[in-house]
Amino acid sequence: MKIINAVSELPGMMQKEVETFLESKLNLQLATVDEQGDPNIQPVWFYYDRENEKLWINTSKSAKKTQNIRKRPTIYFSIDDENPPVRGVKGKGIATIIEDLNIVVPSGEKISLKYLGTLDHPIAKMISEESKKGEVVIVEISPKFYSTWDYGKIQF
């Protein structure tokens, strides 16, 4: 994966640091473009598939972001930690909508486990039920690059 520094004057992260960062419980800010060409930015839970270098989110089949991705699959994303030391990862990617329940259900469970720690939580149960009904899709993001920053590496 191509990793670049977000700002040339700031230190960035190395591959292993990016991978560890992407496994955190921070939200991913997903930016899509609507039919008028306007941006639509949504905070979402995500799962990082380290082996395939993909980001997955689950969302409603009828959500605005899903509609936007169907028309324009190029997306931007940002994940940042505002707690000192401030750091983050952002990038551009191609999003693919996956509707196969054999992928949607287990992928949704991985996302729920990451953020909720259990599948017994009411939100996890709701997501699972909606997934099994075909009302939820997985959006698989194939990043073209990661742009990183890490203020914890600044030498004063």
N, C-alpha and C. Protein backbone atom coordinates (compact mmCIF):
# COMPACT_ATOMS: atom_id res chain seq x y z
N MET A 1 0.83 -1.18 0.00
CA MET A 1 0.00 0.00 0.00
C MET A 1 0.88 1.24 0.00
N LYS A 2 0.53 2.20 -0.81
CA LYS A 2 1.27 3.45 -0.87
C LYS A 2 0.89 4.32 0.33
N ILE A 3 1.89 4.76 1.08
CA ILE A 3 1.68 5.62 2.25
C ILE A 3 2.47 6.91 2.03
N ILE A 4 1.78 8.04 2.17
CA ILE A 4 2.43 9.34 2.03
C ILE A 4 2.16 10.17 3.27
N ASN A 5 2.99 11.17 3.51
CA ASN A 5 2.75 12.10 4.61
C ASN A 5 1.70 13.12 4.19
N ALA A 6 0.75 13.38 5.07
CA ALA A 6 -0.31 14.34 4.76
C ALA A 6 0.25 15.75 4.57
N VAL A 7 1.22 16.10 5.38
CA VAL A 7 1.87 17.42 5.31
C VAL A 7 3.37 17.16 5.33
N SER A 8 4.07 17.70 4.36
CA SER A 8 5.50 17.39 4.22
C SER A 8 6.31 17.76 5.47
N GLU A 9 5.87 18.76 6.23
CA GLU A 9 6.61 19.18 7.41
C GLU A 9 6.32 18.31 8.63
N LEU A 10 5.31 17.43 8.55
CA LEU A 10 4.92 16.58 9.68
C LEU A 10 5.34 15.14 9.46
N PRO A 11 5.76 14.48 10.54
CA PRO A 11 6.04 13.05 10.41
C PRO A 11 4.75 12.26 10.16
N GLY A 12 4.87 11.17 9.44
CA GLY A 12 3.73 10.30 9.18
C GLY A 12 3.91 8.95 9.87
N MET A 13 3.14 7.98 9.44
CA MET A 13 3.20 6.64 10.01
C MET A 13 3.79 5.67 8.99
N MET A 14 4.40 4.62 9.51
CA MET A 14 4.92 3.54 8.69
C MET A 14 3.80 2.49 8.53
N GLN A 15 4.03 1.50 7.64
CA GLN A 15 3.02 0.48 7.33
C GLN A 15 2.44 -0.19 8.57
N LYS A 16 3.28 -0.68 9.46
CA LYS A 16 2.81 -1.38 10.67
C LYS A 16 1.99 -0.43 11.56
N GLU A 17 2.42 0.81 11.65
CA GLU A 17 1.69 1.80 12.46
C GLU A 17 0.31 2.07 11.86
N VAL A 18 0.25 2.17 10.54
CA VAL A 18 -1.04 2.37 9.85
C VAL A 18 -1.96 1.19 10.14
N GLU A 19 -1.45 -0.02 10.00
CA GLU A 19 -2.26 -1.22 10.23
C GLU A 19 -2.80 -1.26 11.66
N THR A 20 -1.96 -0.96 12.63
CA THR A 20 -2.40 -0.94 14.03
C THR A 20 -3.43 0.16 14.24
N PHE A 21 -3.20 1.33 13.67
CA PHE A 21 -4.12 2.45 13.80
C PHE A 21 -5.49 2.09 13.22
N LEU A 22 -5.51 1.40 12.08
CA LEU A 22 -6.77 1.04 11.42
C LEU A 22 -7.55 -0.02 12.20
N GLU A 23 -6.95 -0.62 13.18
CA GLU A 23 -7.65 -1.60 14.01
C GLU A 23 -8.25 -0.96 15.26
N SER A 24 -8.11 0.35 15.40
CA SER A 24 -8.67 1.07 16.55
C SER A 24 -10.20 1.18 16.43
N LYS A 25 -10.82 1.65 17.49
CA LYS A 25 -12.28 1.80 17.51
C LYS A 25 -12.73 3.20 17.08
N LEU A 26 -11.89 3.93 16.41
CA LEU A 26 -12.27 5.25 15.92
C LEU A 26 -13.26 5.10 14.77
N ASN A 27 -14.05 6.14 14.54
CA ASN A 27 -14.96 6.15 13.40
C ASN A 27 -14.22 6.54 12.13
N LEU A 28 -14.69 6.04 11.03
CA LEU A 28 -14.21 6.44 9.71
C LEU A 28 -15.19 7.47 9.18
N GLN A 29 -14.68 8.59 8.70
CA GLN A 29 -15.52 9.60 8.05
C GLN A 29 -15.50 9.26 6.55
N LEU A 30 -16.65 8.89 6.02
CA LEU A 30 -16.76 8.47 4.63
C LEU A 30 -17.35 9.61 3.81
N ALA A 31 -16.64 10.00 2.75
CA ALA A 31 -17.11 11.07 1.88
C ALA A 31 -17.48 10.50 0.52
N THR A 32 -18.74 10.71 0.14
CA THR A 32 -19.23 10.33 -1.19
C THR A 32 -19.73 11.60 -1.87
N VAL A 33 -20.08 11.48 -3.14
CA VAL A 33 -20.59 12.62 -3.90
C VAL A 33 -21.98 12.27 -4.41
N ASP A 34 -22.94 13.20 -4.20
CA ASP A 34 -24.31 12.93 -4.63
C ASP A 34 -24.53 13.31 -6.09
N GLU A 35 -25.78 13.15 -6.54
CA GLU A 35 -26.10 13.39 -7.96
C GLU A 35 -25.93 14.84 -8.39
N GLN A 36 -25.95 15.79 -7.43
CA GLN A 36 -25.71 17.20 -7.76
C GLN A 36 -24.22 17.57 -7.70
N GLY A 37 -23.40 16.60 -7.33
CA GLY A 37 -21.97 16.86 -7.21
C GLY A 37 -21.58 17.38 -5.85
N ASP A 38 -22.50 17.34 -4.89
CA ASP A 38 -22.23 17.82 -3.54
C ASP A 38 -21.67 16.70 -2.68
N PRO A 39 -20.77 17.04 -1.75
CA PRO A 39 -20.22 16.02 -0.86
C PRO A 39 -21.24 15.58 0.19
N ASN A 40 -21.13 14.33 0.58
CA ASN A 40 -21.94 13.76 1.66
C ASN A 40 -20.94 13.04 2.55
N ILE A 41 -20.82 13.50 3.80
CA ILE A 41 -19.85 12.92 4.72
C ILE A 41 -20.59 12.29 5.88
N GLN A 42 -20.27 11.02 6.14
CA GLN A 42 -20.94 10.26 7.19
C GLN A 42 -19.92 9.56 8.08
N PRO A 43 -20.08 9.65 9.41
CA PRO A 43 -19.24 8.84 10.29
C PRO A 43 -19.77 7.41 10.32
N VAL A 44 -18.88 6.45 10.19
CA VAL A 44 -19.31 5.05 10.17
C VAL A 44 -18.32 4.19 10.95
N TRP A 45 -18.83 3.06 11.45
CA TRP A 45 -17.97 2.03 12.02
C TRP A 45 -17.34 1.30 10.84
N PHE A 46 -16.14 0.77 11.06
CA PHE A 46 -15.47 0.07 9.97
C PHE A 46 -14.63 -1.08 10.52
N TYR A 47 -14.25 -1.95 9.63
CA TYR A 47 -13.36 -3.07 9.95
C TYR A 47 -12.22 -3.05 8.94
N TYR A 48 -11.00 -3.19 9.43
CA TYR A 48 -9.85 -3.25 8.54
C TYR A 48 -9.47 -4.70 8.30
N ASP A 49 -9.54 -5.13 7.04
CA ASP A 49 -9.13 -6.47 6.63
C ASP A 49 -7.65 -6.38 6.26
N ARG A 50 -6.80 -6.67 7.23
CA ARG A 50 -5.35 -6.51 7.07
C ARG A 50 -4.81 -7.38 5.93
N GLU A 51 -5.29 -8.61 5.84
CA GLU A 51 -4.79 -9.54 4.84
C GLU A 51 -5.00 -9.03 3.41
N ASN A 52 -6.17 -8.44 3.15
CA ASN A 52 -6.49 -7.96 1.81
C ASN A 52 -6.36 -6.45 1.64
N GLU A 53 -5.96 -5.77 2.72
CA GLU A 53 -5.80 -4.31 2.72
C GLU A 53 -7.07 -3.60 2.26
N LYS A 54 -8.21 -4.02 2.82
CA LYS A 54 -9.51 -3.42 2.49
C LYS A 54 -10.14 -2.87 3.76
N LEU A 55 -10.99 -1.90 3.61
CA LEU A 55 -11.80 -1.37 4.69
C LEU A 55 -13.24 -1.76 4.40
N TRP A 56 -13.96 -2.22 5.41
CA TRP A 56 -15.36 -2.60 5.23
C TRP A 56 -16.23 -1.76 6.14
N ILE A 57 -17.35 -1.34 5.62
CA ILE A 57 -18.38 -0.73 6.45
C ILE A 57 -19.68 -1.45 6.12
N ASN A 58 -20.62 -1.41 7.06
CA ASN A 58 -21.95 -1.92 6.73
C ASN A 58 -22.93 -0.77 6.89
N THR A 59 -23.93 -0.76 6.04
CA THR A 59 -24.90 0.32 6.03
C THR A 59 -26.19 -0.16 5.37
N SER A 60 -27.21 0.62 5.53
CA SER A 60 -28.49 0.29 4.93
C SER A 60 -28.39 0.28 3.39
N LYS A 61 -29.08 -0.67 2.81
CA LYS A 61 -29.13 -0.78 1.35
C LYS A 61 -29.68 0.50 0.72
N SER A 62 -30.57 1.20 1.45
CA SER A 62 -31.22 2.41 0.91
C SER A 62 -30.57 3.71 1.38
N ALA A 63 -29.47 3.64 2.12
CA ALA A 63 -28.81 4.84 2.63
C ALA A 63 -28.31 5.73 1.49
N LYS A 64 -28.24 7.02 1.76
CA LYS A 64 -27.75 7.98 0.77
C LYS A 64 -26.33 7.63 0.33
N LYS A 65 -25.48 7.23 1.28
CA LYS A 65 -24.10 6.89 0.90
C LYS A 65 -24.08 5.69 -0.04
N THR A 66 -24.98 4.73 0.18
CA THR A 66 -25.05 3.56 -0.70
C THR A 66 -25.48 3.99 -2.10
N GLN A 67 -26.49 4.84 -2.18
CA GLN A 67 -26.96 5.35 -3.48
C GLN A 67 -25.84 6.11 -4.20
N ASN A 68 -25.13 6.95 -3.44
CA ASN A 68 -24.03 7.71 -4.04
C ASN A 68 -22.93 6.81 -4.58
N ILE A 69 -22.58 5.78 -3.82
CA ILE A 69 -21.51 4.86 -4.24
C ILE A 69 -21.92 4.09 -5.49
N ARG A 70 -23.18 3.72 -5.58
CA ARG A 70 -23.64 3.01 -6.79
C ARG A 70 -23.42 3.86 -8.04
N LYS A 71 -23.55 5.17 -7.92
CA LYS A 71 -23.40 6.07 -9.07
C LYS A 71 -21.96 6.52 -9.28
N ARG A 72 -21.25 6.72 -8.14
CA ARG A 72 -19.87 7.20 -8.19
C ARG A 72 -19.06 6.44 -7.14
N PRO A 73 -18.37 5.39 -7.51
CA PRO A 73 -17.67 4.55 -6.53
C PRO A 73 -16.38 5.13 -5.95
N THR A 74 -15.90 6.24 -6.47
CA THR A 74 -14.71 6.85 -5.89
C THR A 74 -15.11 7.58 -4.61
N ILE A 75 -14.43 7.25 -3.52
CA ILE A 75 -14.73 7.85 -2.22
C ILE A 75 -13.44 8.37 -1.59
N TYR A 76 -13.63 9.18 -0.57
CA TYR A 76 -12.53 9.63 0.28
C TYR A 76 -12.90 9.24 1.70
N PHE A 77 -11.88 9.07 2.54
CA PHE A 77 -12.15 8.71 3.92
C PHE A 77 -11.09 9.32 4.82
N SER A 78 -11.45 9.45 6.09
CA SER A 78 -10.51 9.96 7.08
C SER A 78 -10.82 9.30 8.42
N ILE A 79 -9.78 8.90 9.10
CA ILE A 79 -9.87 8.34 10.45
C ILE A 79 -8.84 9.10 11.26
N ASP A 80 -9.29 9.82 12.28
CA ASP A 80 -8.32 10.57 13.06
C ASP A 80 -8.60 10.46 14.55
N ASP A 81 -7.54 10.55 15.30
CA ASP A 81 -7.63 10.51 16.76
C ASP A 81 -7.32 11.92 17.25
N GLU A 82 -8.32 12.56 17.83
CA GLU A 82 -8.15 13.94 18.29
C GLU A 82 -7.47 14.01 19.66
N ASN A 83 -7.27 12.86 20.30
CA ASN A 83 -6.59 12.83 21.59
C ASN A 83 -5.08 12.90 21.36
N PRO A 84 -4.39 13.72 22.17
CA PRO A 84 -2.94 13.82 22.00
C PRO A 84 -2.25 12.48 22.19
N PRO A 85 -1.26 12.18 21.38
CA PRO A 85 -0.80 12.98 20.26
C PRO A 85 -1.71 12.78 19.05
N VAL A 86 -2.14 13.88 18.47
CA VAL A 86 -3.06 13.84 17.34
C VAL A 86 -2.39 13.11 16.17
N ARG A 87 -3.15 12.19 15.58
CA ARG A 87 -2.64 11.44 14.42
C ARG A 87 -3.81 10.92 13.61
N GLY A 88 -3.53 10.48 12.39
CA GLY A 88 -4.62 9.97 11.58
C GLY A 88 -4.18 9.40 10.25
N VAL A 89 -5.17 8.85 9.58
CA VAL A 89 -5.00 8.25 8.26
C VAL A 89 -6.18 8.69 7.41
N LYS A 90 -5.88 9.18 6.23
CA LYS A 90 -6.95 9.50 5.28
C LYS A 90 -6.54 8.95 3.93
N GLY A 91 -7.50 8.92 3.00
CA GLY A 91 -7.16 8.40 1.69
C GLY A 91 -8.30 8.46 0.71
N LYS A 92 -8.02 7.93 -0.45
CA LYS A 92 -8.96 7.85 -1.56
C LYS A 92 -9.08 6.39 -1.93
N GLY A 93 -10.27 5.97 -2.32
CA GLY A 93 -10.43 4.57 -2.69
C GLY A 93 -11.60 4.35 -3.61
N ILE A 94 -11.73 3.12 -4.02
CA ILE A 94 -12.87 2.67 -4.83
C ILE A 94 -13.74 1.80 -3.93
N ALA A 95 -15.02 2.14 -3.87
CA ALA A 95 -15.97 1.40 -3.03
C ALA A 95 -16.80 0.45 -3.88
N THR A 96 -16.98 -0.75 -3.37
CA THR A 96 -17.79 -1.76 -4.03
C THR A 96 -18.90 -2.17 -3.07
N ILE A 97 -20.13 -2.20 -3.57
CA ILE A 97 -21.28 -2.63 -2.77
C ILE A 97 -21.39 -4.15 -2.85
N ILE A 98 -21.42 -4.80 -1.68
CA ILE A 98 -21.56 -6.26 -1.63
C ILE A 98 -22.90 -6.57 -0.97
N GLU A 99 -23.72 -7.38 -1.66
CA GLU A 99 -25.04 -7.72 -1.15
C GLU A 99 -25.19 -9.20 -0.81
N ASP A 100 -24.17 -10.00 -1.08
CA ASP A 100 -24.20 -11.43 -0.81
C ASP A 100 -24.29 -11.66 0.70
N LEU A 101 -25.40 -12.26 1.16
CA LEU A 101 -25.61 -12.47 2.60
C LEU A 101 -24.51 -13.32 3.23
N ASN A 102 -23.87 -14.18 2.47
CA ASN A 102 -22.78 -14.99 2.99
C ASN A 102 -21.55 -14.15 3.33
N ILE A 103 -21.51 -12.95 2.80
CA ILE A 103 -20.43 -12.00 3.12
C ILE A 103 -20.95 -10.92 4.08
N VAL A 104 -22.15 -10.42 3.81
CA VAL A 104 -22.71 -9.32 4.59
C VAL A 104 -22.87 -9.68 6.06
N VAL A 105 -23.46 -10.82 6.36
CA VAL A 105 -23.75 -11.20 7.75
C VAL A 105 -22.47 -11.36 8.57
N PRO A 106 -21.50 -12.21 8.15
CA PRO A 106 -20.29 -12.34 8.97
C PRO A 106 -19.44 -11.07 9.03
N SER A 107 -19.43 -10.30 7.97
CA SER A 107 -18.66 -9.05 7.97
C SER A 107 -19.29 -8.06 8.95
N GLY A 108 -20.61 -7.99 8.95
CA GLY A 108 -21.31 -7.13 9.89
C GLY A 108 -21.04 -7.54 11.33
N GLU A 109 -20.95 -8.84 11.56
CA GLU A 109 -20.66 -9.33 12.90
C GLU A 109 -19.25 -8.93 13.34
N LYS A 110 -18.28 -8.94 12.41
CA LYS A 110 -16.92 -8.50 12.75
C LYS A 110 -16.92 -7.03 13.16
N ILE A 111 -17.69 -6.23 12.45
CA ILE A 111 -17.76 -4.79 12.76
C ILE A 111 -18.41 -4.59 14.12
N SER A 112 -19.52 -5.29 14.38
CA SER A 112 -20.20 -5.18 15.68
C SER A 112 -19.29 -5.63 16.82
N LEU A 113 -18.58 -6.73 16.63
CA LEU A 113 -17.67 -7.21 17.67
C LEU A 113 -16.56 -6.19 17.95
N LYS A 114 -16.06 -5.56 16.92
CA LYS A 114 -14.99 -4.57 17.09
C LYS A 114 -15.46 -3.42 17.99
N TYR A 115 -16.65 -2.89 17.72
CA TYR A 115 -17.12 -1.71 18.44
C TYR A 115 -17.91 -2.01 19.71
N LEU A 116 -18.62 -3.13 19.73
CA LEU A 116 -19.48 -3.43 20.87
C LEU A 116 -18.93 -4.53 21.77
N GLY A 117 -18.00 -5.32 21.24
CA GLY A 117 -17.39 -6.37 22.04
C GLY A 117 -18.22 -7.63 22.20
N THR A 118 -19.44 -7.63 21.69
CA THR A 118 -20.34 -8.78 21.81
C THR A 118 -21.40 -8.72 20.71
N LEU A 119 -21.93 -9.89 20.37
CA LEU A 119 -23.05 -9.94 19.42
C LEU A 119 -24.38 -9.95 20.16
N ASP A 120 -24.33 -9.94 21.49
CA ASP A 120 -25.55 -9.93 22.30
C ASP A 120 -26.08 -8.52 22.56
N HIS A 121 -25.33 -7.51 22.18
CA HIS A 121 -25.77 -6.13 22.35
C HIS A 121 -26.99 -5.87 21.45
N PRO A 122 -27.98 -5.09 21.90
CA PRO A 122 -29.16 -4.82 21.08
C PRO A 122 -28.84 -4.24 19.69
N ILE A 123 -27.83 -3.39 19.61
CA ILE A 123 -27.47 -2.83 18.30
C ILE A 123 -26.90 -3.92 17.39
N ALA A 124 -26.06 -4.79 17.94
CA ALA A 124 -25.50 -5.90 17.15
C ALA A 124 -26.61 -6.81 16.66
N LYS A 125 -27.57 -7.09 17.52
CA LYS A 125 -28.70 -7.95 17.13
C LYS A 125 -29.52 -7.30 16.02
N MET A 126 -29.77 -5.99 16.13
CA MET A 126 -30.53 -5.28 15.11
C MET A 126 -29.79 -5.33 13.76
N ILE A 127 -28.48 -5.07 13.79
CA ILE A 127 -27.70 -5.10 12.56
C ILE A 127 -27.74 -6.49 11.94
N SER A 128 -27.60 -7.52 12.76
CA SER A 128 -27.63 -8.90 12.28
C SER A 128 -28.98 -9.24 11.66
N GLU A 129 -30.05 -8.87 12.33
CA GLU A 129 -31.40 -9.15 11.81
C GLU A 129 -31.64 -8.45 10.48
N GLU A 130 -31.27 -7.18 10.41
CA GLU A 130 -31.45 -6.41 9.16
C GLU A 130 -30.56 -6.99 8.04
N SER A 131 -29.37 -7.44 8.41
CA SER A 131 -28.46 -8.05 7.42
C SER A 131 -29.08 -9.31 6.84
N LYS A 132 -29.62 -10.17 7.71
CA LYS A 132 -30.22 -11.43 7.27
C LYS A 132 -31.44 -11.21 6.39
N LYS A 133 -32.11 -10.06 6.54
CA LYS A 133 -33.28 -9.73 5.71
C LYS A 133 -32.86 -9.12 4.37
N GLY A 134 -31.57 -8.86 4.20
CA GLY A 134 -31.11 -8.25 2.95
C GLY A 134 -31.23 -6.74 2.93
N GLU A 135 -31.42 -6.12 4.09
CA GLU A 135 -31.58 -4.66 4.17
C GLU A 135 -30.26 -3.93 4.37
N VAL A 136 -29.20 -4.70 4.63
CA VAL A 136 -27.88 -4.13 4.88
C VAL A 136 -26.91 -4.61 3.80
N VAL A 137 -25.99 -3.75 3.43
CA VAL A 137 -24.94 -4.10 2.48
C VAL A 137 -23.58 -3.86 3.14
N ILE A 138 -22.58 -4.48 2.59
CA ILE A 138 -21.20 -4.19 2.98
C ILE A 138 -20.62 -3.31 1.88
N VAL A 139 -19.96 -2.25 2.30
CA VAL A 139 -19.21 -1.43 1.36
C VAL A 139 -17.74 -1.78 1.57
N GLU A 140 -17.13 -2.34 0.54
CA GLU A 140 -15.72 -2.71 0.60
C GLU A 140 -14.93 -1.60 -0.08
N ILE A 141 -14.02 -1.02 0.68
CA ILE A 141 -13.19 0.08 0.16
C ILE A 141 -11.80 -0.45 -0.15
N SER A 142 -11.40 -0.24 -1.39
CA SER A 142 -10.04 -0.58 -1.83
C SER A 142 -9.25 0.73 -1.90
N PRO A 143 -8.46 1.02 -0.85
CA PRO A 143 -7.73 2.29 -0.84
C PRO A 143 -6.67 2.34 -1.94
N LYS A 144 -6.55 3.52 -2.57
CA LYS A 144 -5.49 3.75 -3.55
C LYS A 144 -4.22 4.20 -2.84
N PHE A 145 -4.39 4.90 -1.72
CA PHE A 145 -3.25 5.34 -0.91
C PHE A 145 -3.74 5.71 0.47
N TYR A 146 -2.79 5.81 1.40
CA TYR A 146 -3.05 6.35 2.73
C TYR A 146 -2.17 7.58 2.89
N SER A 147 -2.76 8.64 3.38
CA SER A 147 -2.03 9.85 3.73
C SER A 147 -2.08 9.93 5.25
N THR A 148 -0.92 10.02 5.91
CA THR A 148 -0.88 9.90 7.37
C THR A 148 -0.22 11.11 8.02
N TRP A 149 -0.54 11.30 9.29
CA TRP A 149 0.11 12.32 10.11
C TRP A 149 0.19 11.81 11.54
N ASP A 150 1.24 12.23 12.24
CA ASP A 150 1.44 11.79 13.62
C ASP A 150 2.20 12.87 14.38
N TYR A 151 1.45 13.69 15.11
CA TYR A 151 2.07 14.78 15.88
C TYR A 151 2.90 14.26 17.04
N GLY A 152 2.73 13.01 17.41
CA GLY A 152 3.52 12.42 18.48
C GLY A 152 4.97 12.23 18.11
N LYS A 153 5.29 12.35 16.82
CA LYS A 153 6.66 12.17 16.36
C LYS A 153 7.42 13.50 16.16
N ILE A 154 6.76 14.61 16.47
CA ILE A 154 7.41 15.90 16.30
C ILE A 154 8.46 16.08 17.40
N GLN A 155 9.65 16.49 16.97
CA GLN A 155 10.74 16.77 17.91
C GLN A 155 10.71 18.24 18.27
N PHE A 156 10.62 18.53 19.54
CA PHE A 156 10.62 19.94 19.99
C PHE A 156 11.95 20.31 20.56
